Amino acid sequence: MDTVRLLGMDSTQLIIANTTFAQINTMSADMKYDPADGILGLGQQALGFGNIPSPLTNAINQNLLKEPIFTVWLDSEGTNFTNKRGGFVHLWRSRHYKLWTSD
């Protein structure tokens, strides 16, 4: 078991004890050059290997969050998308909410 620490905007830490965390030993060539390989701890438990809760799910289960809400910051790299992998994300003056469940 590990302790995962996430740093907040105001330098406070979210400390998630008793979290199962892993590292990969062999990485495919696709992953080696992929700039977007996931967002830590935002996957649902049923999607993970061995049905292990993600760090975020574990934080919710430990009542470490005031509300089960998280934010993902998407930053711009300019308008030149030549030779960039991936697709487009369009967010236009809207907020999107999804109820977080364990299944």
PDB file of N, CA and C in Angstrom:
ATOM      1  N   MET A   1       0.843  -1.181   0.000  1.00  0.00           N
ATOM      2  CA  MET A   1       0.000   0.000   0.000  1.00  0.00           C
ATOM      3  C   MET A   1       0.888   1.243   0.000  1.00  0.00           C
ATOM      4  N   ASP A   2       0.396   2.250  -0.673  1.00  0.00           N
ATOM      5  CA  ASP A   2       1.136   3.498  -0.797  1.00  0.00           C
ATOM      6  C   ASP A   2       0.320   4.653  -0.239  1.00  0.00           C
ATOM      7  N   THR A   3       0.986   5.784  -0.087  1.00  0.00           N
ATOM      8  CA  THR A   3       0.325   7.040   0.229  1.00  0.00           C
ATOM      9  C   THR A   3       0.500   7.949  -0.979  1.00  0.00           C
ATOM     10  N   VAL A   4      -0.612   8.376  -1.575  1.00  0.00           N
ATOM     11  CA  VAL A   4      -0.587   9.266  -2.738  1.00  0.00           C
ATOM     12  C   VAL A   4      -0.824  10.681  -2.236  1.00  0.00           C
ATOM     13  N   ARG A   5      -0.001  11.610  -2.687  1.00  0.00           N
ATOM     14  CA  ARG A   5      -0.140  13.018  -2.304  1.00  0.00           C
ATOM     15  C   ARG A   5      -0.353  13.849  -3.565  1.00  0.00           C
ATOM     16  N   LEU A   6      -1.426  14.627  -3.585  1.00  0.00           N
ATOM     17  CA  LEU A   6      -1.723  15.521  -4.699  1.00  0.00           C
ATOM     18  C   LEU A   6      -1.679  16.945  -4.178  1.00  0.00           C
ATOM     19  N   LEU A   7      -1.011  17.820  -4.898  1.00  0.00           N
ATOM     20  CA  LEU A   7      -0.847  19.204  -4.472  1.00  0.00           C
ATOM     21  C   LEU A   7      -1.956  20.062  -5.045  1.00  0.00           C
ATOM     22  N   GLY A   8      -2.585  20.856  -4.193  1.00  0.00           N
ATOM     23  CA  GLY A   8      -3.657  21.736  -4.621  1.00  0.00           C
ATOM     24  C   GLY A   8      -3.138  23.082  -5.085  1.00  0.00           C
ATOM     25  N   MET A   9      -4.048  23.921  -5.592  1.00  0.00           N
ATOM     26  CA  MET A   9      -3.692  25.244  -6.103  1.00  0.00           C
ATOM     27  C   MET A   9      -3.067  26.128  -5.029  1.00  0.00           C
ATOM     28  N   ASP A  10      -3.486  25.947  -3.776  1.00  0.00           N
ATOM     29  CA  ASP A  10      -2.974  26.799  -2.701  1.00  0.00           C
ATOM     30  C   ASP A  10      -1.888  26.097  -1.891  1.00  0.00           C
ATOM     31  N   SER A  11      -1.228  25.124  -2.476  1.00  0.00           N
ATOM     32  CA  SER A  11      -0.142  24.358  -1.871  1.00  0.00           C
ATOM     33  C   SER A  11      -0.584  23.422  -0.755  1.00  0.00           C
ATOM     34  N   THR A  12      -1.893  23.254  -0.558  1.00  0.00           N
ATOM     35  CA  THR A  12      -2.343  22.240   0.384  1.00  0.00           C
ATOM     36  C   THR A  12      -2.259  20.885  -0.309  1.00  0.00           C
ATOM     37  N   GLN A  13      -2.147  19.848   0.480  1.00  0.00           N
ATOM     38  CA  GLN A  13      -2.029  18.511  -0.087  1.00  0.00           C
ATOM     39  C   GLN A  13      -3.247  17.674   0.240  1.00  0.00           C
ATOM     40  N   LEU A  14      -3.646  16.873  -0.719  1.00  0.00           N
ATOM     41  CA  LEU A  14      -4.629  15.829  -0.489  1.00  0.00           C
ATOM     42  C   LEU A  14      -3.805  14.565  -0.284  1.00  0.00           C
ATOM     43  N   ILE A  15      -3.824  14.027   0.918  1.00  0.00           N
ATOM     44  CA  ILE A  15      -3.033  12.850   1.259  1.00  0.00           C
ATOM     45  C   ILE A  15      -3.968  11.655   1.316  1.00  0.00           C
ATOM     46  N   ILE A  16      -3.759  10.710   0.417  1.00  0.00           N
ATOM     47  CA  ILE A  16      -4.628   9.538   0.301  1.00  0.00           C
ATOM     48  C   ILE A  16      -3.830   8.313   0.746  1.00  0.00           C
ATOM     49  N   ALA A  17      -4.020   7.927   1.997  1.00  0.00           N
ATOM     50  CA  ALA A  17      -3.302   6.777   2.555  1.00  0.00           C
ATOM     51  C   ALA A  17      -3.944   5.477   2.082  1.00  0.00           C
ATOM     52  N   ASN A  18      -3.208   4.389   2.256  1.00  0.00           N
ATOM     53  CA  ASN A  18      -3.704   3.044   1.945  1.00  0.00           C
ATOM     54  C   ASN A  18      -4.220   2.931   0.514  1.00  0.00           C
ATOM     55  N   THR A  19      -3.441   3.441  -0.417  1.00  0.00           N
ATOM     56  CA  THR A  19      -3.801   3.407  -1.829  1.00  0.00           C
ATOM     57  C   THR A  19      -2.894   2.425  -2.559  1.00  0.00           C
ATOM     58  N   THR A  20      -3.503   1.547  -3.323  1.00  0.00           N
ATOM     59  CA  THR A  20      -2.711   0.652  -4.162  1.00  0.00           C
ATOM     60  C   THR A  20      -2.330   1.416  -5.417  1.00  0.00           C
ATOM     61  N   PHE A  21      -1.041   1.504  -5.661  1.00  0.00           N
ATOM     62  CA  PHE A  21      -0.530   2.250  -6.802  1.00  0.00           C
ATOM     63  C   PHE A  21       0.519   1.383  -7.479  1.00  0.00           C
ATOM     64  N   ALA A  22       0.630   1.481  -8.765  1.00  0.00           N
ATOM     65  CA  ALA A  22       1.558   0.621  -9.494  1.00  0.00           C
ATOM     66  C   ALA A  22       2.396   1.432 -10.461  1.00  0.00           C
ATOM     67  N   GLN A  23       3.472   0.822 -10.883  1.00  0.00           N
ATOM     68  CA  GLN A  23       4.253   1.402 -11.960  1.00  0.00           C
ATOM     69  C   GLN A  23       4.440   0.322 -13.009  1.00  0.00           C
ATOM     70  N   ILE A  24       4.582   0.747 -14.254  1.00  0.00           N
ATOM     71  CA  ILE A  24       4.744  -0.237 -15.318  1.00  0.00           C
ATOM     72  C   ILE A  24       6.221  -0.574 -15.473  1.00  0.00           C
ATOM     73  N   ASN A  25       6.484  -1.807 -15.836  1.00  0.00           N
ATOM     74  CA  ASN A  25       7.855  -2.253 -16.073  1.00  0.00           C
ATOM     75  C   ASN A  25       8.189  -2.294 -17.555  1.00  0.00           C
ATOM     76  N   THR A  26       7.187  -2.519 -18.387  1.00  0.00           N
ATOM     77  CA  THR A  26       7.377  -2.563 -19.831  1.00  0.00           C
ATOM     78  C   THR A  26       6.324  -1.679 -20.477  1.00  0.00           C
ATOM     79  N   MET A  27       6.767  -0.790 -21.346  1.00  0.00           N
ATOM     80  CA  MET A  27       5.854   0.151 -21.976  1.00  0.00           C
ATOM     81  C   MET A  27       5.884  -0.060 -23.485  1.00  0.00           C
ATOM     82  N   SER A  28       4.711  -0.093 -24.097  1.00  0.00           N
ATOM     83  CA  SER A  28       4.648  -0.263 -25.549  1.00  0.00           C
ATOM     84  C   SER A  28       5.216   0.971 -26.245  1.00  0.00           C
ATOM     85  N   ALA A  29       5.635   0.793 -27.477  1.00  0.00           N
ATOM     86  CA  ALA A  29       6.184   1.910 -28.251  1.00  0.00           C
ATOM     87  C   ALA A  29       5.159   3.027 -28.410  1.00  0.00           C
ATOM     88  N   ASP A  30       3.873   2.671 -28.524  1.00  0.00           N
ATOM     89  CA  ASP A  30       2.828   3.685 -28.657  1.00  0.00           C
ATOM     90  C   ASP A  30       2.791   4.598 -27.435  1.00  0.00           C
ATOM     91  N   MET A  31       2.884   4.022 -26.264  1.00  0.00           N
ATOM     92  CA  MET A  31       2.812   4.819 -25.037  1.00  0.00           C
ATOM     93  C   MET A  31       4.051   5.686 -24.847  1.00  0.00           C
ATOM     94  N   LYS A  32       5.179   5.208 -25.316  1.00  0.00           N
ATOM     95  CA  LYS A  32       6.430   5.938 -25.121  1.00  0.00           C
ATOM     96  C   LYS A  32       6.386   7.334 -25.729  1.00  0.00           C
ATOM     97  N   TYR A  33       5.694   7.466 -26.861  1.00  0.00           N
ATOM     98  CA  TYR A  33       5.658   8.750 -27.555  1.00  0.00           C
ATOM     99  C   TYR A  33       4.301   9.440 -27.487  1.00  0.00           C
ATOM    100  N   ASP A  34       3.392   8.906 -26.723  1.00  0.00           N
ATOM    101  CA  ASP A  34       2.053   9.489 -26.616  1.00  0.00           C
ATOM    102  C   ASP A  34       2.055  10.561 -25.526  1.00  0.00           C
ATOM    103  N   PRO A  35       1.796  11.825 -25.884  1.00  0.00           N
ATOM    104  CA  PRO A  35       1.829  12.886 -24.874  1.00  0.00           C
ATOM    105  C   PRO A  35       0.668  12.818 -23.887  1.00  0.00           C
ATOM    106  N   ALA A  36      -0.394  12.119 -24.221  1.00  0.00           N
ATOM    107  CA  ALA A  36      -1.555  12.027 -23.332  1.00  0.00           C
ATOM    108  C   ALA A  36      -1.792  10.558 -23.009  1.00  0.00           C
ATOM    109  N   ASP A  37      -1.295  10.124 -21.861  1.00  0.00           N
ATOM    110  CA  ASP A  37      -1.427   8.712 -21.530  1.00  0.00           C
ATOM    111  C   ASP A  37      -2.345   8.469 -20.340  1.00  0.00           C
ATOM    112  N   GLY A  38      -3.163   9.441 -20.007  1.00  0.00           N
ATOM    113  CA  GLY A  38      -4.122   9.242 -18.929  1.00  0.00           C
ATOM    114  C   GLY A  38      -4.061  10.361 -17.907  1.00  0.00           C
ATOM    115  N   ILE A  39      -5.050  10.369 -17.052  1.00  0.00           N
ATOM    116  CA  ILE A  39      -5.113  11.332 -15.963  1.00  0.00           C
ATOM    117  C   ILE A  39      -5.135  10.531 -14.678  1.00  0.00           C
ATOM    118  N   LEU A  40      -4.190  10.777 -13.815  1.00  0.00           N
ATOM    119  CA  LEU A  40      -4.025   9.998 -12.593  1.00  0.00           C
ATOM    120  C   LEU A  40      -5.287   9.957 -11.754  1.00  0.00           C
ATOM    121  N   GLY A  41      -5.727   8.760 -11.471  1.00  0.00           N
ATOM    122  CA  GLY A  41      -6.756   8.566 -10.463  1.00  0.00           C
ATOM    123  C   GLY A  41      -8.168   8.933 -10.825  1.00  0.00           C
ATOM    124  N   LEU A  42      -8.477   9.108 -12.102  1.00  0.00           N
ATOM    125  CA  LEU A  42      -9.827   9.502 -12.463  1.00  0.00           C
ATOM    126  C   LEU A  42     -10.634   8.369 -13.080  1.00  0.00           C
ATOM    127  N   GLY A  43     -10.033   7.204 -13.226  1.00  0.00           N
ATOM    128  CA  GLY A  43     -10.756   6.066 -13.790  1.00  0.00           C
ATOM    129  C   GLY A  43     -11.662   5.421 -12.755  1.00  0.00           C
ATOM    130  N   GLN A  44     -12.744   4.843 -13.225  1.00  0.00           N
ATOM    131  CA  GLN A  44     -13.647   4.160 -12.302  1.00  0.00           C
ATOM    132  C   GLN A  44     -13.080   2.797 -11.935  1.00  0.00           C
ATOM    133  N   GLN A  45     -13.396   2.337 -10.751  1.00  0.00           N
ATOM    134  CA  GLN A  45     -12.828   1.121 -10.194  1.00  0.00           C
ATOM    135  C   GLN A  45     -13.023  -0.086 -11.103  1.00  0.00           C
ATOM    136  N   ALA A  46     -14.185  -0.232 -11.697  1.00  0.00           N
ATOM    137  CA  ALA A  46     -14.476  -1.394 -12.539  1.00  0.00           C
ATOM    138  C   ALA A  46     -13.587  -1.448 -13.782  1.00  0.00           C
ATOM    139  N   LEU A  47     -13.003  -0.317 -14.185  1.00  0.00           N
ATOM    140  CA  LEU A  47     -12.163  -0.279 -15.376  1.00  0.00           C
ATOM    141  C   LEU A  47     -10.711  -0.623 -15.085  1.00  0.00           C
ATOM    142  N   GLY A  48     -10.321  -0.594 -13.829  1.00  0.00           N
ATOM    143  CA  GLY A  48      -8.935  -0.834 -13.459  1.00  0.00           C
ATOM    144  C   GLY A  48      -8.586  -2.309 -13.359  1.00  0.00           C
ATOM    145  N   PHE A  49      -7.312  -2.577 -13.348  1.00  0.00           N
ATOM    146  CA  PHE A  49      -6.813  -3.940 -13.216  1.00  0.00           C
ATOM    147  C   PHE A  49      -7.111  -4.466 -11.814  1.00  0.00           C
ATOM    148  N   GLY A  50      -7.718  -5.633 -11.738  1.00  0.00           N
ATOM    149  CA  GLY A  50      -7.979  -6.255 -10.442  1.00  0.00           C
ATOM    150  C   GLY A  50      -9.059  -5.581  -9.625  1.00  0.00           C
ATOM    151  N   ASN A  51      -9.863  -4.716 -10.255  1.00  0.00           N
ATOM    152  CA  ASN A  51     -10.947  -4.010  -9.558  1.00  0.00           C
ATOM    153  C   ASN A  51     -10.435  -3.205  -8.359  1.00  0.00           C
ATOM    154  N   ILE A  52      -9.236  -2.661  -8.485  1.00  0.00           N
ATOM    155  CA  ILE A  52      -8.622  -1.863  -7.418  1.00  0.00           C
ATOM    156  C   ILE A  52      -9.127  -0.432  -7.536  1.00  0.00           C
ATOM    157  N   PRO A  53      -9.558   0.185  -6.434  1.00  0.00           N
ATOM    158  CA  PRO A  53     -10.054   1.563  -6.520  1.00  0.00           C
ATOM    159  C   PRO A  53      -8.949   2.543  -6.909  1.00  0.00           C
ATOM    160  N   SER A  54      -9.314   3.519  -7.735  1.00  0.00           N
ATOM    161  CA  SER A  54      -8.368   4.557  -8.137  1.00  0.00           C
ATOM    162  C   SER A  54      -8.056   5.441  -6.933  1.00  0.00           C
ATOM    163  N   PRO A  55      -6.987   6.245  -7.007  1.00  0.00           N
ATOM    164  CA  PRO A  55      -6.710   7.165  -5.912  1.00  0.00           C
ATOM    165  C   PRO A  55      -7.886   8.096  -5.595  1.00  0.00           C
ATOM    166  N   LEU A  56      -8.587   8.597  -6.623  1.00  0.00           N
ATOM    167  CA  LEU A  56      -9.722   9.485  -6.366  1.00  0.00           C
ATOM    168  C   LEU A  56     -10.864   8.740  -5.681  1.00  0.00           C
ATOM    169  N   THR A  57     -11.174   7.536  -6.142  1.00  0.00           N
ATOM    170  CA  THR A  57     -12.218   6.738  -5.501  1.00  0.00           C
ATOM    171  C   THR A  57     -11.843   6.438  -4.056  1.00  0.00           C
ATOM    172  N   ASN A  58     -10.582   6.129  -3.826  1.00  0.00           N
ATOM    173  CA  ASN A  58     -10.115   5.864  -2.472  1.00  0.00           C
ATOM    174  C   ASN A  58     -10.253   7.111  -1.593  1.00  0.00           C
ATOM    175  N   ALA A  59      -9.961   8.289  -2.133  1.00  0.00           N
ATOM    176  CA  ALA A  59     -10.126   9.534  -1.375  1.00  0.00           C
ATOM    177  C   ALA A  59     -11.587   9.765  -1.013  1.00  0.00           C
ATOM    178  N   ILE A  60     -12.488   9.483  -1.944  1.00  0.00           N
ATOM    179  CA  ILE A  60     -13.922   9.631  -1.672  1.00  0.00           C
ATOM    180  C   ILE A  60     -14.352   8.639  -0.598  1.00  0.00           C
ATOM    181  N   ASN A  61     -13.892   7.393  -0.714  1.00  0.00           N
ATOM    182  CA  ASN A  61     -14.248   6.375   0.280  1.00  0.00           C
ATOM    183  C   ASN A  61     -13.730   6.709   1.673  1.00  0.00           C
ATOM    184  N   GLN A  62     -12.621   7.449   1.753  1.00  0.00           N
ATOM    185  CA  GLN A  62     -12.052   7.857   3.040  1.00  0.00           C
ATOM    186  C   GLN A  62     -12.612   9.199   3.520  1.00  0.00           C
ATOM    187  N   ASN A  63     -13.600   9.740   2.799  1.00  0.00           N
ATOM    188  CA  ASN A  63     -14.212  11.034   3.146  1.00  0.00           C
ATOM    189  C   ASN A  63     -13.184  12.162   3.218  1.00  0.00           C
ATOM    190  N   LEU A  64     -12.249  12.173   2.280  1.00  0.00           N
ATOM    191  CA  LEU A  64     -11.215  13.203   2.255  1.00  0.00           C
ATOM    192  C   LEU A  64     -11.616  14.431   1.448  1.00  0.00           C
ATOM    193  N   LEU A  65     -12.690  14.328   0.676  1.00  0.00           N
ATOM    194  CA  LEU A  65     -13.153  15.450  -0.140  1.00  0.00           C
ATOM    195  C   LEU A  65     -14.453  16.001   0.429  1.00  0.00           C
ATOM    196  N   LYS A  66     -14.593  17.321   0.399  1.00  0.00           N
ATOM    197  CA  LYS A  66     -15.851  17.925   0.846  1.00  0.00           C
ATOM    198  C   LYS A  66     -16.993  17.471  -0.050  1.00  0.00           C
ATOM    199  N   GLU A  67     -16.710  17.391  -1.352  1.00  0.00           N
ATOM    200  CA  GLU A  67     -17.680  16.916  -2.332  1.00  0.00           C
ATOM    201  C   GLU A  67     -16.925  16.077  -3.353  1.00  0.00           C
ATOM    202  N   PRO A  68     -17.559  15.065  -3.949  1.00  0.00           N
ATOM    203  CA  PRO A  68     -16.872  14.243  -4.944  1.00  0.00           C
ATOM    204  C   PRO A  68     -16.779  14.946  -6.298  1.00  0.00           C
ATOM    205  N   ILE A  69     -16.069  16.076  -6.305  1.00  0.00           N
ATOM    206  CA  ILE A  69     -15.924  16.892  -7.509  1.00  0.00           C
ATOM    207  C   ILE A  69     -14.435  17.076  -7.782  1.00  0.00           C
ATOM    208  N   PHE A  70     -14.037  16.969  -9.032  1.00  0.00           N
ATOM    209  CA  PHE A  70     -12.661  17.245  -9.408  1.00  0.00           C
ATOM    210  C   PHE A  70     -12.667  18.116 -10.651  1.00  0.00           C
ATOM    211  N   THR A  71     -11.539  18.760 -10.894  1.00  0.00           N
ATOM    212  CA  THR A  71     -11.396  19.637 -12.044  1.00  0.00           C
ATOM    213  C   THR A  71     -10.211  19.175 -12.874  1.00  0.00           C
ATOM    214  N   VAL A  72     -10.362  19.215 -14.169  1.00  0.00           N
ATOM    215  CA  VAL A  72      -9.268  18.928 -15.085  1.00  0.00           C
ATOM    216  C   VAL A  72      -8.972  20.214 -15.838  1.00  0.00           C
ATOM    217  N   TRP A  73      -7.737  20.663 -15.788  1.00  0.00           N
ATOM    218  CA  TRP A  73      -7.329  21.882 -16.478  1.00  0.00           C
ATOM    219  C   TRP A  73      -6.818  21.506 -17.856  1.00  0.00           C
ATOM    220  N   LEU A  74      -7.429  22.027 -18.897  1.00  0.00           N
ATOM    221  CA  LEU A  74      -6.988  21.804 -20.265  1.00  0.00           C
ATOM    222  C   LEU A  74      -6.360  23.095 -20.763  1.00  0.00           C
ATOM    223  N   ASP A  75      -5.082  23.069 -21.045  1.00  0.00           N
ATOM    224  CA  ASP A  75      -4.366  24.267 -21.451  1.00  0.00           C
ATOM    225  C   ASP A  75      -4.148  24.257 -22.959  1.00  0.00           C
ATOM    226  N   SER A  76      -4.026  25.427 -23.530  1.00  0.00           N
ATOM    227  CA  SER A  76      -3.823  25.566 -24.964  1.00  0.00           C
ATOM    228  C   SER A  76      -2.337  25.524 -25.297  1.00  0.00           C
ATOM    229  N   GLU A  77      -2.017  24.888 -26.414  1.00  0.00           N
ATOM    230  CA  GLU A  77      -0.645  24.903 -26.918  1.00  0.00           C
ATOM    231  C   GLU A  77      -0.581  25.690 -28.219  1.00  0.00           C
ATOM    232  N   GLY A  78      -1.498  26.605 -28.394  1.00  0.00           N
ATOM    233  CA  GLY A  78      -1.524  27.392 -29.615  1.00  0.00           C
ATOM    234  C   GLY A  78      -2.509  26.829 -30.619  1.00  0.00           C
ATOM    235  N   THR A  79      -2.457  27.350 -31.835  1.00  0.00           N
ATOM    236  CA  THR A  79      -3.420  26.944 -32.854  1.00  0.00           C
ATOM    237  C   THR A  79      -2.823  26.027 -33.914  1.00  0.00           C
ATOM    238  N   ASN A  80      -1.524  25.772 -33.880  1.00  0.00           N
ATOM    239  CA  ASN A  80      -0.886  24.915 -34.873  1.00  0.00           C
ATOM    240  C   ASN A  80      -0.929  23.467 -34.395  1.00  0.00           C
ATOM    241  N   PHE A  81      -1.827  22.675 -34.981  1.00  0.00           N
ATOM    242  CA  PHE A  81      -1.975  21.284 -34.575  1.00  0.00           C
ATOM    243  C   PHE A  81      -1.291  20.329 -35.553  1.00  0.00           C
ATOM    244  N   THR A  82      -0.394  20.832 -36.396  1.00  0.00           N
ATOM    245  CA  THR A  82       0.318  19.983 -37.338  1.00  0.00           C
ATOM    246  C   THR A  82       1.195  18.998 -36.578  1.00  0.00           C
ATOM    247  N   ASN A  83       1.136  17.743 -36.986  1.00  0.00           N
ATOM    248  CA  ASN A  83       1.933  16.672 -36.381  1.00  0.00           C
ATOM    249  C   ASN A  83       1.641  16.462 -34.901  1.00  0.00           C
ATOM    250  N   LYS A  84       0.464  16.793 -34.463  1.00  0.00           N
ATOM    251  CA  LYS A  84       0.051  16.543 -33.079  1.00  0.00           C
ATOM    252  C   LYS A  84      -0.860  15.328 -33.069  1.00  0.00           C
ATOM    253  N   ARG A  85      -0.659  14.450 -32.102  1.00  0.00           N
ATOM    254  CA  ARG A  85      -1.525  13.285 -31.982  1.00  0.00           C
ATOM    255  C   ARG A  85      -2.744  13.649 -31.157  1.00  0.00           C
ATOM    256  N   GLY A  86      -3.800  12.908 -31.371  1.00  0.00           N
ATOM    257  CA  GLY A  86      -5.005  13.131 -30.580  1.00  0.00           C
ATOM    258  C   GLY A  86      -6.046  13.892 -31.366  1.00  0.00           C
ATOM    259  N   GLY A  87      -7.101  14.260 -30.688  1.00  0.00           N
ATOM    260  CA  GLY A  87      -8.200  14.954 -31.337  1.00  0.00           C
ATOM    261  C   GLY A  87      -8.398  16.323 -30.735  1.00  0.00           C
ATOM    262  N   PHE A  88      -9.573  16.859 -30.960  1.00  0.00           N
ATOM    263  CA  PHE A  88      -9.895  18.185 -30.463  1.00  0.00           C
ATOM    264  C   PHE A  88     -10.841  18.075 -29.280  1.00  0.00           C
ATOM    265  N   VAL A  89     -10.647  18.928 -28.325  1.00  0.00           N
ATOM    266  CA  VAL A  89     -11.564  19.035 -27.195  1.00  0.00           C
ATOM    267  C   VAL A  89     -12.171  20.423 -27.274  1.00  0.00           C
ATOM    268  N   HIS A  90     -13.482  20.488 -27.370  1.00  0.00           N
ATOM    269  CA  HIS A  90     -14.161  21.778 -27.467  1.00  0.00           C
ATOM    270  C   HIS A  90     -14.971  22.019 -26.197  1.00  0.00           C
ATOM    271  N   LEU A  91     -14.600  23.008 -25.442  1.00  0.00           N
ATOM    272  CA  LEU A  91     -15.368  23.438 -24.277  1.00  0.00           C
ATOM    273  C   LEU A  91     -15.699  24.903 -24.506  1.00  0.00           C
ATOM    274  N   TRP A  92     -16.955  25.210 -24.602  1.00  0.00           N
ATOM    275  CA  TRP A  92     -17.349  26.569 -24.907  1.00  0.00           C
ATOM    276  C   TRP A  92     -18.287  27.092 -23.839  1.00  0.00           C
ATOM    277  N   ARG A  93     -17.732  27.837 -22.902  1.00  0.00           N
ATOM    278  CA  ARG A  93     -18.514  28.497 -21.857  1.00  0.00           C
ATOM    279  C   ARG A  93     -19.514  27.559 -21.189  1.00  0.00           C
ATOM    280  N   SER A  94     -19.068  26.400 -20.857  1.00  0.00           N
ATOM    281  CA  SER A  94     -19.967  25.469 -20.186  1.00  0.00           C
ATOM    282  C   SER A  94     -19.197  24.681 -19.140  1.00  0.00           C
ATOM    283  N   ARG A  95     -19.929  24.198 -18.191  1.00  0.00           N
ATOM    284  CA  ARG A  95     -19.367  23.316 -17.180  1.00  0.00           C
ATOM    285  C   ARG A  95     -20.085  21.989 -17.306  1.00  0.00           C
ATOM    286  N   HIS A  96     -19.338  20.930 -17.178  1.00  0.00           N
ATOM    287  CA  HIS A  96     -19.908  19.597 -17.318  1.00  0.00           C
ATOM    288  C   HIS A  96     -19.736  18.854 -16.004  1.00  0.00           C
ATOM    289  N   TYR A  97     -20.801  18.275 -15.522  1.00  0.00           N
ATOM    290  CA  TYR A  97     -20.768  17.535 -14.274  1.00  0.00           C
ATOM    291  C   TYR A  97     -21.182  16.105 -14.535  1.00  0.00           C
ATOM    292  N   LYS A  98     -20.551  15.186 -13.836  1.00  0.00           N
ATOM    293  CA  LYS A  98     -20.929  13.782 -13.913  1.00  0.00           C
ATOM    294  C   LYS A  98     -20.950  13.244 -12.496  1.00  0.00           C
ATOM    295  N   LEU A  99     -22.013  12.583 -12.130  1.00  0.00           N
ATOM    296  CA  LEU A  99     -22.102  11.970 -10.819  1.00  0.00           C
ATOM    297  C   LEU A  99     -21.073  10.856 -10.733  1.00  0.00           C
ATOM    298  N   TRP A 100     -20.227  10.891  -9.722  1.00  0.00           N
ATOM    299  CA  TRP A 100     -19.180   9.889  -9.566  1.00  0.00           C
ATOM    300  C   TRP A 100     -19.756   8.693  -8.838  1.00  0.00           C
ATOM    301  N   THR A 101     -19.678   7.545  -9.470  1.00  0.00           N
ATOM    302  CA  THR A 101     -20.141   6.308  -8.848  1.00  0.00           C
ATOM    303  C   THR A 101     -19.027   5.285  -8.913  1.00  0.00           C
ATOM    304  N   SER A 102     -19.128   4.258  -8.128  1.00  0.00           N
ATOM    305  CA  SER A 102     -18.067   3.255  -8.079  1.00  0.00           C
ATOM    306  C   SER A 102     -18.215   2.187  -9.146  1.00  0.00           C
ATOM    307  N   ASP A 103     -19.279   2.236  -9.948  1.00  0.00           N
ATOM    308  CA  ASP A 103     -19.430   1.209 -10.981  1.00  0.00           C
ATOM    309  C   ASP A 103     -19.346   1.774 -12.370  1.00  0.00           C
TER     310      ASP A 103
END
